[in-house]
């Protein structure tokens, strides 16, 4: 299931999403985090079904972005492939196994709606 929480027209995000879709990433979310951090504008979070699937998804994102002229600034976690982070500058892609994703709950951590409602109280 693919869920885009925020629509984006950023070309690097579109390339990453295309790579993830090609290899059947699970539960894809796109978060606009510009109001929360200066490190990046967009976070893409998805799940893979195994270490091999997570690694393949991350490598596909890297290759697709390189082909599109966007060189990743860094890649972390590829050896273990439980949670791989691909830093594309304006976008950060998190490819996670289901148990790591459930434990860290990145969508909840970076959800602007919860920040806004907490500030209003």
PDB file of N, CA and C in Angstrom:
ATOM      1  N   UNK A   1       0.848  -1.184   0.000  1.00  0.00           N
ATOM      2  CA  UNK A   1       0.000   0.000   0.000  1.00  0.00           C
ATOM      3  C   UNK A   1       0.887   1.238   0.000  1.00  0.00           C
ATOM      4  N   UNK A   2       0.586   2.175  -0.868  1.00  0.00           N
ATOM      5  CA  UNK A   2       1.348   3.405  -0.948  1.00  0.00           C
ATOM      6  C   UNK A   2       0.483   4.549  -0.449  1.00  0.00           C
ATOM      7  N   UNK A   3       0.995   5.294   0.513  1.00  0.00           N
ATOM      8  CA  UNK A   3       0.287   6.432   1.065  1.00  0.00           C
ATOM      9  C   UNK A   3       1.192   7.637   0.976  1.00  0.00           C
ATOM     10  N   UNK A   4       0.793   8.626   0.219  1.00  0.00           N
ATOM     11  CA  UNK A   4       1.583   9.848   0.149  1.00  0.00           C
ATOM     12  C   UNK A   4       0.920  10.862   1.065  1.00  0.00           C
ATOM     13  N   UNK A   5       1.546  11.127   2.206  1.00  0.00           N
ATOM     14  CA  UNK A   5       0.979  12.062   3.173  1.00  0.00           C
ATOM     15  C   UNK A   5       1.063  13.488   2.654  1.00  0.00           C
ATOM     16  N   UNK A   6       2.066  13.755   1.844  1.00  0.00           N
ATOM     17  CA  UNK A   6       2.234  15.079   1.250  1.00  0.00           C
ATOM     18  C   UNK A   6       2.563  14.877  -0.230  1.00  0.00           C
ATOM     19  N   UNK A   7       1.902  15.605  -1.099  1.00  0.00           N
ATOM     20  CA  UNK A   7       2.246  15.560  -2.517  1.00  0.00           C
ATOM     21  C   UNK A   7       3.520  16.367  -2.717  1.00  0.00           C
ATOM     22  N   UNK A   8       4.347  15.945  -3.654  1.00  0.00           N
ATOM     23  CA  UNK A   8       5.584  16.658  -3.910  1.00  0.00           C
ATOM     24  C   UNK A   8       5.888  16.647  -5.397  1.00  0.00           C
ATOM     25  N   UNK A   9       6.494  17.712  -5.856  1.00  0.00           N
ATOM     26  CA  UNK A   9       6.937  17.762  -7.247  1.00  0.00           C
ATOM     27  C   UNK A   9       8.461  17.845  -7.320  1.00  0.00           C
ATOM     28  N   UNK A  10       9.144  17.607  -6.214  1.00  0.00           N
ATOM     29  CA  UNK A  10      10.598  17.608  -6.165  1.00  0.00           C
ATOM     30  C   UNK A  10      11.116  16.450  -7.024  1.00  0.00           C
ATOM     31  N   UNK A  11      11.968  16.735  -8.017  1.00  0.00           N
ATOM     32  CA  UNK A  11      12.413  15.664  -8.918  1.00  0.00           C
ATOM     33  C   UNK A  11      13.176  14.542  -8.220  1.00  0.00           C
ATOM     34  N   UNK A  12      13.978  14.847  -7.214  1.00  0.00           N
ATOM     35  CA  UNK A  12      14.715  13.784  -6.525  1.00  0.00           C
ATOM     36  C   UNK A  12      13.755  12.886  -5.750  1.00  0.00           C
ATOM     37  N   UNK A  13      12.712  13.449  -5.180  1.00  0.00           N
ATOM     38  CA  UNK A  13      11.709  12.651  -4.476  1.00  0.00           C
ATOM     39  C   UNK A  13      10.948  11.782  -5.479  1.00  0.00           C
ATOM     40  N   UNK A  14      10.615  12.338  -6.622  1.00  0.00           N
ATOM     41  CA  UNK A  14       9.911  11.568  -7.651  1.00  0.00           C
ATOM     42  C   UNK A  14      10.750  10.389  -8.131  1.00  0.00           C
ATOM     43  N   UNK A  15      12.058  10.606  -8.302  1.00  0.00           N
ATOM     44  CA  UNK A  15      12.939   9.502  -8.697  1.00  0.00           C
ATOM     45  C   UNK A  15      12.991   8.425  -7.621  1.00  0.00           C
ATOM     46  N   UNK A  16      13.112   8.846  -6.361  1.00  0.00           N
ATOM     47  CA  UNK A  16      13.154   7.893  -5.255  1.00  0.00           C
ATOM     48  C   UNK A  16      11.853   7.099  -5.189  1.00  0.00           C
ATOM     49  N   UNK A  17      10.735   7.774  -5.330  1.00  0.00           N
ATOM     50  CA  UNK A  17       9.434   7.089  -5.288  1.00  0.00           C
ATOM     51  C   UNK A  17       9.281   6.098  -6.437  1.00  0.00           C
ATOM     52  N   UNK A  18       9.775   6.475  -7.609  1.00  0.00           N
ATOM     53  CA  UNK A  18       9.704   5.570  -8.758  1.00  0.00           C
ATOM     54  C   UNK A  18      10.528   4.308  -8.506  1.00  0.00           C
ATOM     55  N   UNK A  19      11.715   4.478  -7.928  1.00  0.00           N
ATOM     56  CA  UNK A  19      12.563   3.321  -7.615  1.00  0.00           C
ATOM     57  C   UNK A  19      11.890   2.423  -6.583  1.00  0.00           C
ATOM     58  N   UNK A  20      11.300   3.026  -5.575  1.00  0.00           N
ATOM     59  CA  UNK A  20      10.625   2.250  -4.531  1.00  0.00           C
ATOM     60  C   UNK A  20       9.416   1.513  -5.088  1.00  0.00           C
ATOM     61  N   UNK A  21       8.679   2.171  -5.957  1.00  0.00           N
ATOM     62  CA  UNK A  21       7.502   1.539  -6.562  1.00  0.00           C
ATOM     63  C   UNK A  21       7.915   0.380  -7.466  1.00  0.00           C
ATOM     64  N   UNK A  22       9.005   0.560  -8.219  1.00  0.00           N
ATOM     65  CA  UNK A  22       9.473  -0.501  -9.123  1.00  0.00           C
ATOM     66  C   UNK A  22       9.779  -1.793  -8.371  1.00  0.00           C
ATOM     67  N   UNK A  23      10.315  -1.670  -7.153  1.00  0.00           N
ATOM     68  CA  UNK A  23      10.691  -2.855  -6.379  1.00  0.00           C
ATOM     69  C   UNK A  23       9.673  -3.192  -5.289  1.00  0.00           C
ATOM     70  N   UNK A  24       8.492  -2.625  -5.412  1.00  0.00           N
ATOM     71  CA  UNK A  24       7.360  -2.968  -4.544  1.00  0.00           C
ATOM     72  C   UNK A  24       7.609  -2.716  -3.055  1.00  0.00           C
ATOM     73  N   UNK A  25       8.061  -1.510  -2.742  1.00  0.00           N
ATOM     74  CA  UNK A  25       8.197  -1.100  -1.339  1.00  0.00           C
ATOM     75  C   UNK A  25       6.817  -1.102  -0.697  1.00  0.00           C
ATOM     76  N   UNK A  26       6.779  -1.359   0.578  1.00  0.00           N
ATOM     77  CA  UNK A  26       5.519  -1.414   1.320  1.00  0.00           C
ATOM     78  C   UNK A  26       5.321  -0.114   2.101  1.00  0.00           C
ATOM     79  N   UNK A  27       4.072   0.313   2.230  1.00  0.00           N
ATOM     80  CA  UNK A  27       3.680   1.430   3.090  1.00  0.00           C
ATOM     81  C   UNK A  27       4.573   2.669   2.917  1.00  0.00           C
ATOM     82  N   UNK A  28       4.606   3.196   1.711  1.00  0.00           N
ATOM     83  CA  UNK A  28       5.431   4.363   1.408  1.00  0.00           C
ATOM     84  C   UNK A  28       4.733   5.624   1.916  1.00  0.00           C
ATOM     85  N   UNK A  29       5.463   6.426   2.688  1.00  0.00           N
ATOM     86  CA  UNK A  29       4.955   7.704   3.195  1.00  0.00           C
ATOM     87  C   UNK A  29       5.914   8.814   2.795  1.00  0.00           C
ATOM     88  N   UNK A  30       5.365   9.963   2.458  1.00  0.00           N
ATOM     89  CA  UNK A  30       6.165  11.137   2.132  1.00  0.00           C
ATOM     90  C   UNK A  30       5.780  12.241   3.108  1.00  0.00           C
ATOM     91  N   UNK A  31       6.776  12.750   3.848  1.00  0.00           N
ATOM     92  CA  UNK A  31       6.524  13.775   4.854  1.00  0.00           C
ATOM     93  C   UNK A  31       7.247  15.068   4.508  1.00  0.00           C
ATOM     94  N   UNK A  32       6.546  16.171   4.564  1.00  0.00           N
ATOM     95  CA  UNK A  32       7.145  17.494   4.405  1.00  0.00           C
ATOM     96  C   UNK A  32       7.600  17.945   5.793  1.00  0.00           C
ATOM     97  N   UNK A  33       8.915  18.055   5.989  1.00  0.00           N
ATOM     98  CA  UNK A  33       9.454  18.377   7.311  1.00  0.00           C
ATOM     99  C   UNK A  33      10.153  19.742   7.334  1.00  0.00           C
ATOM    100  N   UNK A  34       9.856  20.581   6.357  1.00  0.00           N
ATOM    101  CA  UNK A  34      10.511  21.894   6.291  1.00  0.00           C
ATOM    102  C   UNK A  34      10.279  22.738   7.538  1.00  0.00           C
ATOM    103  N   UNK A  35       9.127  22.616   8.163  1.00  0.00           N
ATOM    104  CA  UNK A  35       8.836  23.390   9.361  1.00  0.00           C
ATOM    105  C   UNK A  35       9.440  22.816  10.631  1.00  0.00           C
ATOM    106  N   UNK A  36      10.061  21.649  10.529  1.00  0.00           N
ATOM    107  CA  UNK A  36      10.580  20.977  11.713  1.00  0.00           C
ATOM    108  C   UNK A  36      12.101  20.891  11.781  1.00  0.00           C
ATOM    109  N   UNK A  37      12.768  20.934  10.626  1.00  0.00           N
ATOM    110  CA  UNK A  37      14.221  20.792  10.605  1.00  0.00           C
ATOM    111  C   UNK A  37      14.804  21.526   9.412  1.00  0.00           C
ATOM    112  N   UNK A  38      16.049  21.929   9.545  1.00  0.00           N
ATOM    113  CA  UNK A  38      16.740  22.556   8.426  1.00  0.00           C
ATOM    114  C   UNK A  38      17.623  21.545   7.690  1.00  0.00           C
ATOM    115  N   UNK A  39      17.655  20.299   8.173  1.00  0.00           N
ATOM    116  CA  UNK A  39      18.501  19.271   7.557  1.00  0.00           C
ATOM    117  C   UNK A  39      17.991  18.829   6.188  1.00  0.00           C
ATOM    118  N   UNK A  40      16.690  18.770   6.015  1.00  0.00           N
ATOM    119  CA  UNK A  40      16.095  18.283   4.773  1.00  0.00           C
ATOM    120  C   UNK A  40      14.693  18.850   4.635  1.00  0.00           C
ATOM    121  N   UNK A  41      14.146  18.768   3.444  1.00  0.00           N
ATOM    122  CA  UNK A  41      12.787  19.245   3.197  1.00  0.00           C
ATOM    123  C   UNK A  41      11.755  18.120   3.254  1.00  0.00           C
ATOM    124  N   UNK A  42      12.163  16.938   2.802  1.00  0.00           N
ATOM    125  CA  UNK A  42      11.218  15.836   2.649  1.00  0.00           C
ATOM    126  C   UNK A  42      11.815  14.548   3.194  1.00  0.00           C
ATOM    127  N   UNK A  43      10.983  13.773   3.867  1.00  0.00           N
ATOM    128  CA  UNK A  43      11.378  12.432   4.286  1.00  0.00           C
ATOM    129  C   UNK A  43      10.451  11.435   3.613  1.00  0.00           C
ATOM    130  N   UNK A  44      11.064  10.420   3.026  1.00  0.00           N
ATOM    131  CA  UNK A  44      10.322   9.317   2.439  1.00  0.00           C
ATOM    132  C   UNK A  44      10.600   8.118   3.337  1.00  0.00           C
ATOM    133  N   UNK A  45       9.549   7.465   3.782  1.00  0.00           N
ATOM    134  CA  UNK A  45       9.681   6.317   4.674  1.00  0.00           C
ATOM    135  C   UNK A  45       8.940   5.150   4.039  1.00  0.00           C
ATOM    136  N   UNK A  46       9.599   3.990   4.005  1.00  0.00           N
ATOM    137  CA  UNK A  46       8.942   2.807   3.452  1.00  0.00           C
ATOM    138  C   UNK A  46       9.461   1.561   4.147  1.00  0.00           C
ATOM    139  N   UNK A  47       8.779   0.470   3.910  1.00  0.00           N
ATOM    140  CA  UNK A  47       9.165  -0.812   4.500  1.00  0.00           C
ATOM    141  C   UNK A  47       9.547  -1.800   3.418  1.00  0.00           C
ATOM    142  N   UNK A  48      10.489  -2.667   3.794  1.00  0.00           N
ATOM    143  CA  UNK A  48      10.853  -3.806   2.972  1.00  0.00           C
ATOM    144  C   UNK A  48      10.504  -5.073   3.739  1.00  0.00           C
ATOM    145  N   UNK A  49      10.410  -6.170   3.042  1.00  0.00           N
ATOM    146  CA  UNK A  49       9.947  -7.408   3.659  1.00  0.00           C
ATOM    147  C   UNK A  49      11.063  -8.248   4.278  1.00  0.00           C
ATOM    148  N   UNK A  50      12.323  -7.924   3.977  1.00  0.00           N
ATOM    149  CA  UNK A  50      13.465  -8.690   4.498  1.00  0.00           C
ATOM    150  C   UNK A  50      14.726  -7.830   4.376  1.00  0.00           C
ATOM    151  N   UNK A  51      15.832  -8.323   4.931  1.00  0.00           N
ATOM    152  CA  UNK A  51      17.109  -7.610   4.794  1.00  0.00           C
ATOM    153  C   UNK A  51      17.435  -7.397   3.318  1.00  0.00           C
ATOM    154  N   UNK A  52      17.271  -8.444   2.548  1.00  0.00           N
ATOM    155  CA  UNK A  52      17.598  -8.372   1.117  1.00  0.00           C
ATOM    156  C   UNK A  52      16.701  -7.363   0.392  1.00  0.00           C
ATOM    157  N   UNK A  53      15.414  -7.347   0.728  1.00  0.00           N
ATOM    158  CA  UNK A  53      14.489  -6.413   0.091  1.00  0.00           C
ATOM    159  C   UNK A  53      14.831  -4.969   0.480  1.00  0.00           C
ATOM    160  N   UNK A  54      15.124  -4.732   1.753  1.00  0.00           N
ATOM    161  CA  UNK A  54      15.494  -3.392   2.221  1.00  0.00           C
ATOM    162  C   UNK A  54      16.751  -2.910   1.488  1.00  0.00           C
ATOM    163  N   UNK A  55      17.747  -3.779   1.406  1.00  0.00           N
ATOM    164  CA  UNK A  55      19.000  -3.425   0.724  1.00  0.00           C
ATOM    165  C   UNK A  55      18.754  -3.135  -0.752  1.00  0.00           C
ATOM    166  N   UNK A  56      17.951  -3.965  -1.409  1.00  0.00           N
ATOM    167  CA  UNK A  56      17.633  -3.767  -2.829  1.00  0.00           C
ATOM    168  C   UNK A  56      16.888  -2.457  -3.060  1.00  0.00           C
ATOM    169  N   UNK A  57      15.945  -2.144  -2.174  1.00  0.00           N
ATOM    170  CA  UNK A  57      15.194  -0.894  -2.306  1.00  0.00           C
ATOM    171  C   UNK A  57      16.125   0.315  -2.191  1.00  0.00           C
ATOM    172  N   UNK A  58      16.992   0.299  -1.186  1.00  0.00           N
ATOM    173  CA  UNK A  58      17.917   1.421  -0.979  1.00  0.00           C
ATOM    174  C   UNK A  58      18.870   1.563  -2.167  1.00  0.00           C
ATOM    175  N   UNK A  59      19.398   0.454  -2.647  1.00  0.00           N
ATOM    176  CA  UNK A  59      20.307   0.500  -3.793  1.00  0.00           C
ATOM    177  C   UNK A  59      19.588   0.993  -5.048  1.00  0.00           C
ATOM    178  N   UNK A  60      18.332   0.622  -5.218  1.00  0.00           N
ATOM    179  CA  UNK A  60      17.556   1.082  -6.369  1.00  0.00           C
ATOM    180  C   UNK A  60      17.340   2.595  -6.306  1.00  0.00           C
ATOM    181  N   UNK A  61      17.078   3.124  -5.110  1.00  0.00           N
ATOM    182  CA  UNK A  61      16.927   4.574  -4.944  1.00  0.00           C
ATOM    183  C   UNK A  61      18.218   5.276  -5.338  1.00  0.00           C
ATOM    184  N   UNK A  62      19.347   4.760  -4.859  1.00  0.00           N
ATOM    185  CA  UNK A  62      20.643   5.359  -5.170  1.00  0.00           C
ATOM    186  C   UNK A  62      20.891   5.350  -6.675  1.00  0.00           C
ATOM    187  N   UNK A  63      20.677   4.215  -7.318  1.00  0.00           N
ATOM    188  CA  UNK A  63      20.933   4.102  -8.761  1.00  0.00           C
ATOM    189  C   UNK A  63      20.015   4.998  -9.583  1.00  0.00           C
ATOM    190  N   UNK A  64      18.723   5.000  -9.253  1.00  0.00           N
ATOM    191  CA  UNK A  64      17.755   5.813  -9.999  1.00  0.00           C
ATOM    192  C   UNK A  64      18.086   7.295  -9.857  1.00  0.00           C
ATOM    193  N   UNK A  65      18.462   7.706  -8.656  1.00  0.00           N
ATOM    194  CA  UNK A  65      18.796   9.118  -8.439  1.00  0.00           C
ATOM    195  C   UNK A  65      20.084   9.496  -9.153  1.00  0.00           C
ATOM    196  N   UNK A  66      21.073   8.607  -9.153  1.00  0.00           N
ATOM    197  CA  UNK A  66      22.316   8.867  -9.894  1.00  0.00           C
ATOM    198  C   UNK A  66      22.025   9.021 -11.380  1.00  0.00           C
ATOM    199  N   UNK A  67      21.176   8.140 -11.920  1.00  0.00           N
ATOM    200  CA  UNK A  67      20.794   8.218 -13.333  1.00  0.00           C
ATOM    201  C   UNK A  67      20.115   9.545 -13.648  1.00  0.00           C
ATOM    202  N   UNK A  68      19.373  10.078 -12.671  1.00  0.00           N
ATOM    203  CA  UNK A  68      18.677  11.351 -12.843  1.00  0.00           C
ATOM    204  C   UNK A  68      19.552  12.566 -12.544  1.00  0.00           C
ATOM    205  N   UNK A  69      20.810  12.328 -12.210  1.00  0.00           N
ATOM    206  CA  UNK A  69      21.733  13.434 -11.970  1.00  0.00           C
ATOM    207  C   UNK A  69      21.831  13.881 -10.520  1.00  0.00           C
ATOM    208  N   UNK A  70      21.285  13.101  -9.604  1.00  0.00           N
ATOM    209  CA  UNK A  70      21.329  13.437  -8.177  1.00  0.00           C
ATOM    210  C   UNK A  70      22.205  12.418  -7.453  1.00  0.00           C
ATOM    211  N   UNK A  71      23.345  12.853  -6.977  1.00  0.00           N
ATOM    212  CA  UNK A  71      24.263  11.950  -6.270  1.00  0.00           C
ATOM    213  C   UNK A  71      23.949  11.987  -4.779  1.00  0.00           C
ATOM    214  N   UNK A  72      23.716  10.818  -4.172  1.00  0.00           N
ATOM    215  CA  UNK A  72      23.456  10.771  -2.730  1.00  0.00           C
ATOM    216  C   UNK A  72      24.623  11.334  -1.927  1.00  0.00           C
ATOM    217  N   UNK A  73      24.307  12.046  -0.860  1.00  0.00           N
ATOM    218  CA  UNK A  73      25.325  12.608   0.016  1.00  0.00           C
ATOM    219  C   UNK A  73      25.845  11.559   0.991  1.00  0.00           C
ATOM    220  N   UNK A  74      25.031  10.549   1.272  1.00  0.00           N
ATOM    221  CA  UNK A  74      25.446   9.497   2.184  1.00  0.00           C
ATOM    222  C   UNK A  74      24.439   8.375   2.234  1.00  0.00           C
ATOM    223  N   UNK A  75      24.954   7.199   2.628  1.00  0.00           N
ATOM    224  CA  UNK A  75      24.104   6.018   2.792  1.00  0.00           C
ATOM    225  C   UNK A  75      24.550   5.349   4.085  1.00  0.00           C
ATOM    226  N   UNK A  76      23.606   5.077   4.960  1.00  0.00           N
ATOM    227  CA  UNK A  76      23.919   4.440   6.251  1.00  0.00           C
ATOM    228  C   UNK A  76      23.076   3.185   6.437  1.00  0.00           C
ATOM    229  N   UNK A  77      23.667   2.158   7.022  1.00  0.00           N
ATOM    230  CA  UNK A  77      22.925   0.959   7.407  1.00  0.00           C
ATOM    231  C   UNK A  77      22.814  -0.114   6.355  1.00  0.00           C
ATOM    232  N   UNK A  78      23.531   0.034   5.253  1.00  0.00           N
ATOM    233  CA  UNK A  78      23.399  -0.920   4.152  1.00  0.00           C
ATOM    234  C   UNK A  78      23.902  -2.315   4.528  1.00  0.00           C
ATOM    235  N   UNK A  79      24.900  -2.393   5.389  1.00  0.00           N
ATOM    236  CA  UNK A  79      25.450  -3.703   5.763  1.00  0.00           C
ATOM    237  C   UNK A  79      24.424  -4.568   6.488  1.00  0.00           C
ATOM    238  N   UNK A  80      23.759  -4.004   7.501  1.00  0.00           N
ATOM    239  CA  UNK A  80      22.771  -4.771   8.261  1.00  0.00           C
ATOM    240  C   UNK A  80      21.425  -4.818   7.557  1.00  0.00           C
ATOM    241  N   UNK A  81      21.077  -3.745   6.881  1.00  0.00           N
ATOM    242  CA  UNK A  81      19.834  -3.624   6.107  1.00  0.00           C
ATOM    243  C   UNK A  81      18.574  -3.827   6.927  1.00  0.00           C
ATOM    244  N   UNK A  82      18.629  -3.427   8.197  1.00  0.00           N
ATOM    245  CA  UNK A  82      17.415  -3.388   9.009  1.00  0.00           C
ATOM    246  C   UNK A  82      16.749  -2.026   8.828  1.00  0.00           C
ATOM    247  N   UNK A  83      17.591  -0.984   8.735  1.00  0.00           N
ATOM    248  CA  UNK A  83      17.136   0.381   8.493  1.00  0.00           C
ATOM    249  C   UNK A  83      18.224   1.058   7.680  1.00  0.00           C
ATOM    250  N   UNK A  84      17.930   1.373   6.441  1.00  0.00           N
ATOM    251  CA  UNK A  84      18.893   2.034   5.570  1.00  0.00           C
ATOM    252  C   UNK A  84      18.414   3.457   5.327  1.00  0.00           C
ATOM    253  N   UNK A  85      19.310   4.403   5.518  1.00  0.00           N
ATOM    254  CA  UNK A  85      19.020   5.813   5.298  1.00  0.00           C
ATOM    255  C   UNK A  85      19.808   6.269   4.081  1.00  0.00           C
ATOM    256  N   UNK A  86      19.121   6.872   3.118  1.00  0.00           N
ATOM    257  CA  UNK A  86      19.757   7.428   1.930  1.00  0.00           C
ATOM    258  C   UNK A  86      19.547   8.940   1.975  1.00  0.00           C
ATOM    259  N   UNK A  87      20.644   9.677   2.133  1.00  0.00           N
ATOM    260  CA  UNK A  87      20.600  11.133   2.224  1.00  0.00           C
ATOM    261  C   UNK A  87      20.777  11.714   0.830  1.00  0.00           C
ATOM    262  N   UNK A  88      19.714  12.329   0.325  1.00  0.00           N
ATOM    263  CA  UNK A  88      19.728  12.936  -1.000  1.00  0.00           C
ATOM    264  C   UNK A  88      19.735  14.462  -0.917  1.00  0.00           C
ATOM    265  N   UNK A  89      20.090  15.007   0.232  1.00  0.00           N
ATOM    266  CA  UNK A  89      20.122  16.460   0.418  1.00  0.00           C
ATOM    267  C   UNK A  89      18.754  16.998   0.769  1.00  0.00           C
ATOM    268  N   UNK A  90      17.991  17.394  -0.226  1.00  0.00           N
ATOM    269  CA  UNK A  90      16.654  17.935   0.011  1.00  0.00           C
ATOM    270  C   UNK A  90      15.656  16.866   0.439  1.00  0.00           C
ATOM    271  N   UNK A  91      16.048  15.604   0.303  1.00  0.00           N
ATOM    272  CA  UNK A  91      15.189  14.488   0.711  1.00  0.00           C
ATOM    273  C   UNK A  91      16.044  13.430   1.401  1.00  0.00           C
ATOM    274  N   UNK A  92      15.443  12.785   2.386  1.00  0.00           N
ATOM    275  CA  UNK A  92      16.068  11.656   3.073  1.00  0.00           C
ATOM    276  C   UNK A  92      15.105  10.487   2.951  1.00  0.00           C
ATOM    277  N   UNK A  93      15.627   9.352   2.479  1.00  0.00           N
ATOM    278  CA  UNK A  93      14.811   8.162   2.300  1.00  0.00           C
ATOM    279  C   UNK A  93      15.183   7.158   3.389  1.00  0.00           C
ATOM    280  N   UNK A  94      14.175   6.712   4.139  1.00  0.00           N
ATOM    281  CA  UNK A  94      14.343   5.697   5.178  1.00  0.00           C
ATOM    282  C   UNK A  94      13.693   4.417   4.672  1.00  0.00           C
ATOM    283  N   UNK A  95      14.501   3.362   4.499  1.00  0.00           N
ATOM    284  CA  UNK A  95      13.978   2.064   4.092  1.00  0.00           C
ATOM    285  C   UNK A  95      14.164   1.147   5.298  1.00  0.00           C
ATOM    286  N   UNK A  96      13.062   0.631   5.820  1.00  0.00           N
ATOM    287  CA  UNK A  96      13.112  -0.075   7.090  1.00  0.00           C
ATOM    288  C   UNK A  96      12.393  -1.420   7.019  1.00  0.00           C
ATOM    289  N   UNK A  97      12.864  -2.354   7.832  1.00  0.00           N
ATOM    290  CA  UNK A  97      12.091  -3.569   8.038  1.00  0.00           C
ATOM    291  C   UNK A  97      10.913  -3.220   8.948  1.00  0.00           C
ATOM    292  N   UNK A  98       9.863  -3.998   8.870  1.00  0.00           N
ATOM    293  CA  UNK A  98       8.621  -3.689   9.581  1.00  0.00           C
ATOM    294  C   UNK A  98       8.816  -3.520  11.084  1.00  0.00           C
ATOM    295  N   UNK A  99       9.616  -4.377  11.710  1.00  0.00           N
ATOM    296  CA  UNK A  99       9.784  -4.284  13.162  1.00  0.00           C
ATOM    297  C   UNK A  99      10.539  -3.016  13.569  1.00  0.00           C
ATOM    298  N   UNK A 100      11.516  -2.599  12.781  1.00  0.00           N
ATOM    299  CA  UNK A 100      12.241  -1.355  13.075  1.00  0.00           C
ATOM    300  C   UNK A 100      11.314  -0.157  12.875  1.00  0.00           C
ATOM    301  N   UNK A 101      10.513  -0.210  11.837  1.00  0.00           N
ATOM    302  CA  UNK A 101       9.590   0.897  11.569  1.00  0.00           C
ATOM    303  C   UNK A 101       8.549   1.024  12.673  1.00  0.00           C
ATOM    304  N   UNK A 102       8.040  -0.099  13.141  1.00  0.00           N
ATOM    305  CA  UNK A 102       7.059  -0.063  14.227  1.00  0.00           C
ATOM    306  C   UNK A 102       7.688   0.464  15.517  1.00  0.00           C
ATOM    307  N   UNK A 103       8.933   0.108  15.766  1.00  0.00           N
ATOM    308  CA  UNK A 103       9.603   0.534  16.989  1.00  0.00           C
ATOM    309  C   UNK A 103       9.908   2.036  16.979  1.00  0.00           C
ATOM    310  N   UNK A 104      10.463   2.552  15.881  1.00  0.00           N
ATOM    311  CA  UNK A 104      10.895   3.956  15.837  1.00  0.00           C
ATOM    312  C   UNK A 104       9.778   4.933  15.492  1.00  0.00           C
ATOM    313  N   UNK A 105       8.745   4.495  14.817  1.00  0.00           N
ATOM    314  CA  UNK A 105       7.571   5.318  14.505  1.00  0.00           C
ATOM    315  C   UNK A 105       7.940   6.705  13.973  1.00  0.00           C
ATOM    316  N   UNK A 106       8.711   6.743  12.892  1.00  0.00           N
ATOM    317  CA  UNK A 106       9.176   8.016  12.340  1.00  0.00           C
ATOM    318  C   UNK A 106       8.040   8.926  11.899  1.00  0.00           C
ATOM    319  N   UNK A 107       6.969   8.359  11.359  1.00  0.00           N
ATOM    320  CA  UNK A 107       5.847   9.200  10.943  1.00  0.00           C
ATOM    321  C   UNK A 107       5.283   9.976  12.127  1.00  0.00           C
ATOM    322  N   UNK A 108       5.179   9.326  13.251  1.00  0.00           N
ATOM    323  CA  UNK A 108       4.666   9.986  14.457  1.00  0.00           C
ATOM    324  C   UNK A 108       5.655  11.043  14.948  1.00  0.00           C
ATOM    325  N   UNK A 109       6.931  10.731  14.892  1.00  0.00           N
ATOM    326  CA  UNK A 109       7.970  11.664  15.338  1.00  0.00           C
ATOM    327  C   UNK A 109       7.981  12.941  14.507  1.00  0.00           C
ATOM    328  N   UNK A 110       7.759  12.822  13.196  1.00  0.00           N
ATOM    329  CA  UNK A 110       7.856  13.970  12.291  1.00  0.00           C
ATOM    330  C   UNK A 110       6.502  14.490  11.825  1.00  0.00           C
ATOM    331  N   UNK A 111       5.419  14.156  12.495  1.00  0.00           N
ATOM    332  CA  UNK A 111       4.081  14.569  12.069  1.00  0.00           C
ATOM    333  C   UNK A 111       3.792  16.016  12.468  1.00  0.00           C
ATOM    334  N   UNK A 112       3.614  16.881  11.484  1.00  0.00           N
ATOM    335  CA  UNK A 112       3.332  18.306  11.724  1.00  0.00           C
ATOM    336  C   UNK A 112       1.991  18.511  12.414  1.00  0.00           C
ATOM    337  N   UNK A 113       0.996  17.664  12.145  1.00  0.00           N
ATOM    338  CA  UNK A 113      -0.326  17.839  12.747  1.00  0.00           C
ATOM    339  C   UNK A 113      -0.244  17.733  14.266  1.00  0.00           C
ATOM    340  N   UNK A 114       0.534  16.761  14.742  1.00  0.00           N
ATOM    341  CA  UNK A 114       0.667  16.608  16.193  1.00  0.00           C
ATOM    342  C   UNK A 114       1.399  17.789  16.802  1.00  0.00           C
ATOM    343  N   UNK A 115       2.393  18.332  16.102  1.00  0.00           N
ATOM    344  CA  UNK A 115       3.123  19.504  16.592  1.00  0.00           C
ATOM    345  C   UNK A 115       2.187  20.699  16.689  1.00  0.00           C
ATOM    346  N   UNK A 116       1.381  20.910  15.657  1.00  0.00           N
ATOM    347  CA  UNK A 116       0.445  22.030  15.641  1.00  0.00           C
ATOM    348  C   UNK A 116      -0.598  21.890  16.755  1.00  0.00           C
ATOM    349  N   UNK A 117      -1.146  20.691  16.949  1.00  0.00           N
ATOM    350  CA  UNK A 117      -2.177  20.528  17.969  1.00  0.00           C
ATOM    351  C   UNK A 117      -1.590  20.685  19.374  1.00  0.00           C
ATOM    352  N   UNK A 118      -0.371  20.253  19.585  1.00  0.00           N
ATOM    353  CA  UNK A 118       0.282  20.429  20.886  1.00  0.00           C
ATOM    354  C   UNK A 118       0.552  21.901  21.164  1.00  0.00           C
ATOM    355  N   UNK A 119       0.913  22.652  20.137  1.00  0.00           N
ATOM    356  CA  UNK A 119       1.185  24.076  20.300  1.00  0.00           C
ATOM    357  C   UNK A 119      -0.098  24.857  20.575  1.00  0.00           C
ATOM    358  N   UNK A 120      -1.215  24.374  20.106  1.00  0.00           N
ATOM    359  CA  UNK A 120      -2.484  25.063  20.301  1.00  0.00           C
ATOM    360  C   UNK A 120      -3.043  24.848  21.686  1.00  0.00           C
ATOM    361  N   UNK A 121      -2.568  23.850  22.411  1.00  0.00           N
ATOM    362  CA  UNK A 121      -3.120  23.540  23.735  1.00  0.00           C
ATOM    363  C   UNK A 121      -2.572  24.452  24.796  1.00  0.00           C
TER     364      UNK A 121
END
